[in-house]
Amino acid sequence: MENKPYIYPDGRMRSKDASLYTGFREGTLSNWRVIGKGPRFIKRGTRVFYFQADLDD
């Protein structure tokens, strides 16, 4: 299996893919969400998405 993140056409990626893209663990991204640190994210139901542009900043 290839370790390339899936990026939706609008630039979104799920937490797992954002982890692959940035090199940070999913747990680290999760902790940052809780304390209000890290890249901007959105929630749709129970799913968390990051935008590629925000991860690049």
Protein backbone atom coordinates (compact mmCIF):
# COMPACT_ATOMS: atom_id res chain seq x y z
CA MET A 1 0.00 0.00 0.00
CA GLU A 2 1.28 3.40 -0.94
CA ASN A 3 1.64 6.06 1.74
CA LYS A 4 0.34 9.01 -0.26
CA PRO A 5 -2.34 11.22 1.25
CA TYR A 6 -5.67 11.44 -0.55
CA ILE A 7 -6.55 15.05 -1.25
CA TYR A 8 -10.12 15.83 -2.34
CA PRO A 9 -10.51 18.08 -5.40
CA ASP A 10 -11.37 21.04 -3.15
CA GLY A 11 -8.10 20.63 -1.21
CA ARG A 12 -9.57 18.89 1.86
CA MET A 13 -8.02 15.88 3.48
CA ARG A 14 -9.04 13.72 6.39
CA SER A 15 -7.01 13.61 9.57
CA LYS A 16 -5.17 10.43 8.54
CA ASP A 17 -4.16 11.97 5.22
CA ALA A 18 -3.16 15.25 6.89
CA SER A 19 -0.91 13.21 9.15
CA LEU A 20 0.80 11.61 6.14
CA TYR A 21 1.06 14.98 4.41
CA THR A 22 2.63 16.84 7.35
CA GLY A 23 4.57 14.04 9.03
CA PHE A 24 2.86 14.71 12.38
CA ARG A 25 1.05 11.84 14.06
CA GLU A 26 -2.75 11.83 14.08
CA GLY A 27 -2.62 12.02 17.88
CA THR A 28 -0.55 15.18 17.70
CA LEU A 29 -3.06 16.81 15.34
CA SER A 30 -5.86 15.69 17.66
CA ASN A 31 -4.15 17.17 20.72
CA TRP A 32 -3.59 20.44 18.89
CA ARG A 33 -7.30 20.60 18.01
CA VAL A 34 -8.22 20.19 21.69
CA ILE A 35 -5.91 22.98 22.88
CA GLY A 36 -6.65 25.30 19.94
CA LYS A 37 -3.19 25.05 18.39
CA GLY A 38 -2.08 23.88 14.97
CA PRO A 39 -3.62 24.19 11.53
CA ARG A 40 -7.20 25.26 10.93
CA PHE A 41 -9.67 22.38 10.59
CA ILE A 42 -13.36 21.82 10.02
CA LYS A 43 -15.70 19.15 11.35
CA ARG A 44 -18.48 17.57 9.35
CA GLY A 45 -20.35 15.32 11.73
CA THR A 46 -17.70 13.19 13.37
CA ARG A 47 -15.14 13.65 10.57
CA VAL A 48 -12.31 16.15 10.78
CA PHE A 49 -10.88 17.75 7.65
CA TYR A 50 -7.88 19.95 7.02
CA PHE A 51 -7.25 22.03 3.93
CA GLN A 52 -3.99 21.64 2.07
CA ALA A 53 -3.45 25.43 1.98
CA ASP A 54 -3.75 25.63 5.78
CA LEU A 55 -1.31 22.75 6.23
CA ASP A 56 1.16 24.43 3.90
CA ASP A 57 1.10 27.62 6.01
